[in-house]
Amino acid sequence: MDKYEQFKIEQDSLLKALAENGPSENLMHRMQALYKDACLVIALGPHTALERDPADAGREYADEQDFTAYVETYVLAVQSGELARLFEMQQWGAVAYEYETVDVDGKVCPGVRVSWANKIAFLAGGKDGAFDARLEAMAKALAALMSAKWYRWQVRLI
């Protein structure tokens, strides 16, 4: 059984218990543990603020120069507190973010993983119609801050 199958079985069990017995402290702790890896992942395309050869302008994915520029931009955004402001959601708890590489269409792209301390509150946001719009706005703001040609985001559970 792979990691996703195990996750799905545990999730189904917890949701069944929630439906049958209602919320409890124990159940909330178990759900928080199950969703411990829940996060927003934002992949970034080529960096637009770099001076490049015109032949490079049409590249679809980030290259080594882009990766270097993103790391520098990311460090400055963390130090200035700009990333914390972009992703602040009080009801979701303290925010943490990490620069990482993300697979997009089989290509390795630069990206940022964002998570909040209260995983249950974060995921419960998905029940309201504004959730996707809120995450889209965050991803778009990050892309603008990082000077990305394009961005893609997803909620990752495991």
Protein backbone atom coordinates (compact mmCIF):
# COMPACT_ATOMS: atom_id res chain seq x y z
CA MET A 1 0.00 0.00 0.00
CA ASP A 2 1.45 3.34 -1.00
CA LYS A 3 1.47 6.55 1.02
CA TYR A 4 -1.61 7.98 -0.72
CA GLU A 5 -3.68 4.83 -0.12
CA GLN A 6 -2.76 4.86 3.58
CA PHE A 7 -3.64 8.55 3.77
CA LYS A 8 -7.01 7.98 2.06
CA ILE A 9 -7.93 5.09 4.41
CA GLU A 10 -7.10 7.16 7.50
CA GLN A 11 -8.92 10.18 6.10
CA ASP A 12 -12.06 8.15 5.37
CA SER A 13 -11.93 6.68 8.89
CA LEU A 14 -11.63 10.13 10.49
CA LEU A 15 -14.41 11.62 8.39
CA LYS A 16 -16.69 8.70 9.25
CA ALA A 17 -15.93 9.15 12.98
CA LEU A 18 -16.60 12.88 12.66
CA ALA A 19 -19.96 12.24 10.96
CA GLU A 20 -20.99 9.59 13.49
CA ASN A 21 -19.74 11.11 16.74
CA GLY A 22 -19.23 14.80 16.00
CA PRO A 23 -16.03 16.71 16.75
CA SER A 24 -13.88 15.84 19.73
CA GLU A 25 -10.47 16.91 20.95
CA ASN A 26 -9.01 13.49 20.19
CA LEU A 27 -10.44 13.51 16.68
CA MET A 28 -9.09 17.01 16.01
CA HIS A 29 -5.61 15.92 17.13
CA ARG A 30 -5.79 12.90 14.83
CA MET A 31 -6.92 15.09 11.93
CA GLN A 32 -4.20 17.63 12.59
CA ALA A 33 -1.65 14.78 12.53
CA LEU A 34 -3.08 13.33 9.31
CA TYR A 35 -2.93 16.70 7.56
CA LYS A 36 0.46 17.66 8.98
CA ASP A 37 1.90 18.04 5.47
CA ALA A 38 -1.01 20.05 4.01
CA CYS A 39 0.33 23.10 2.22
CA LEU A 40 0.08 25.45 -0.72
CA VAL A 41 2.76 24.87 -3.36
CA ILE A 42 3.46 27.55 -5.95
CA ALA A 43 5.63 26.81 -8.98
CA LEU A 44 7.25 29.69 -10.85
CA GLY A 45 8.16 30.11 -14.50
CA PRO A 46 11.08 32.11 -15.93
CA HIS A 47 12.28 35.17 -14.02
CA THR A 48 11.33 38.32 -15.95
CA ALA A 49 13.62 40.81 -14.21
CA LEU A 50 16.83 39.32 -15.59
CA GLU A 51 18.58 40.90 -18.54
CA ARG A 52 18.67 38.08 -21.06
CA ASP A 53 19.61 37.46 -24.65
CA PRO A 54 16.54 38.00 -26.86
CA ALA A 55 16.78 34.35 -27.94
CA ASP A 56 16.11 33.34 -24.32
CA ALA A 57 12.96 35.46 -24.01
CA GLY A 58 10.68 32.70 -25.28
CA ARG A 59 11.82 30.01 -22.87
CA GLU A 60 8.92 28.30 -21.18
CA TYR A 61 10.63 27.08 -18.01
CA ALA A 62 13.20 28.48 -15.62
CA ASP A 63 16.87 27.82 -16.27
CA GLU A 64 19.92 28.02 -13.98
CA GLN A 65 20.05 31.82 -14.13
CA ASP A 66 16.40 31.99 -13.13
CA PHE A 67 16.96 29.61 -10.23
CA THR A 68 19.82 31.77 -8.95
CA ALA A 69 17.75 34.94 -9.26
CA TYR A 70 14.81 33.32 -7.48
CA VAL A 71 16.94 32.23 -4.55
CA GLU A 72 18.26 35.78 -4.17
CA THR A 73 14.76 37.27 -4.48
CA TYR A 74 13.36 34.72 -2.03
CA VAL A 75 16.01 35.52 0.59
CA LEU A 76 15.32 39.26 0.27
CA ALA A 77 11.54 38.68 0.52
CA VAL A 78 12.00 36.61 3.68
CA GLN A 79 14.36 39.14 5.25
CA SER A 80 12.08 42.07 4.47
CA GLY A 81 9.03 40.30 5.89
CA GLU A 82 7.22 40.58 2.56
CA LEU A 83 6.57 36.81 2.35
CA ALA A 84 5.04 36.79 5.82
CA ARG A 85 2.71 39.64 4.80
CA LEU A 86 1.66 37.91 1.55
CA PHE A 87 0.62 34.73 3.31
CA GLU A 88 -0.73 36.07 6.59
CA MET A 89 -4.05 34.40 7.46
CA GLN A 90 -4.69 34.81 11.16
CA GLN A 91 -7.40 32.14 11.33
CA TRP A 92 -4.98 29.58 9.79
CA GLY A 93 -2.27 30.26 12.36
CA ALA A 94 1.42 31.02 11.98
CA VAL A 95 2.76 30.74 8.44
CA ALA A 96 5.90 28.92 7.36
CA TYR A 97 7.37 28.92 3.87
CA GLU A 98 10.22 27.17 2.15
CA TYR A 99 11.88 27.54 -1.23
CA GLU A 100 11.76 24.24 -3.11
CA THR A 101 11.75 22.74 -6.56
CA VAL A 102 8.44 21.66 -8.07
CA ASP A 103 7.69 19.29 -10.94
CA VAL A 104 5.62 20.99 -13.65
CA ASP A 105 4.98 19.08 -16.86
CA GLY A 106 7.99 16.88 -16.12
CA LYS A 107 10.29 19.91 -15.72
CA VAL A 108 11.95 21.01 -12.49
CA CYS A 109 10.77 24.51 -11.62
CA PRO A 110 11.53 26.85 -8.73
CA GLY A 111 8.76 27.20 -6.20
CA VAL A 112 7.65 28.02 -2.70
CA ARG A 113 5.84 25.76 -0.25
CA VAL A 114 3.60 27.60 2.21
CA SER A 115 1.97 26.03 5.24
CA TRP A 116 0.02 27.26 8.20
CA ALA A 117 0.04 25.95 11.76
CA ASN A 118 -3.67 25.16 11.90
CA LYS A 119 -4.05 22.62 9.10
CA ILE A 120 -7.71 21.98 9.90
CA ALA A 121 -8.62 25.68 9.60
CA PHE A 122 -6.57 25.94 6.38
CA LEU A 123 -8.31 22.97 4.77
CA ALA A 124 -11.72 24.01 6.08
CA GLY A 125 -11.23 27.16 4.03
CA GLY A 126 -11.79 24.93 1.01
CA LYS A 127 -15.46 24.66 1.94
CA ASP A 128 -16.05 28.31 1.22
CA GLY A 129 -16.15 29.61 -2.33
CA ALA A 130 -13.52 32.25 -1.62
CA PHE A 131 -10.79 29.69 -0.82
CA ASP A 132 -9.52 29.23 -4.39
CA ALA A 133 -9.71 32.95 -5.02
CA ARG A 134 -7.75 33.62 -1.82
CA LEU A 135 -5.02 31.12 -2.77
CA GLU A 136 -4.97 32.41 -6.36
CA ALA A 137 -4.44 35.96 -5.05
CA MET A 138 -1.58 34.75 -2.83
CA ALA A 139 0.06 32.87 -5.71
CA LYS A 140 -0.34 35.84 -8.04
CA ALA A 141 1.16 38.21 -5.46
CA LEU A 142 4.12 35.86 -4.96
CA ALA A 143 4.66 35.64 -8.73
CA ALA A 144 4.62 39.45 -8.99
CA LEU A 145 7.01 39.80 -6.05
CA MET A 146 9.36 37.20 -7.50
CA SER A 147 9.06 38.57 -11.08
CA ALA A 148 7.78 35.31 -12.50
CA LYS A 149 6.55 35.03 -16.08
CA TRP A 150 3.91 32.51 -14.94
CA TYR A 151 2.90 30.57 -11.85
CA ARG A 152 0.88 27.49 -10.98
CA TRP A 153 -0.39 26.53 -7.57
CA GLN A 154 -1.92 23.53 -5.87
CA VAL A 155 -2.91 22.40 -2.42
CA ARG A 156 -0.81 19.40 -1.44
CA LEU A 157 -2.08 17.05 1.27
CA ILE A 158 0.76 14.52 1.44
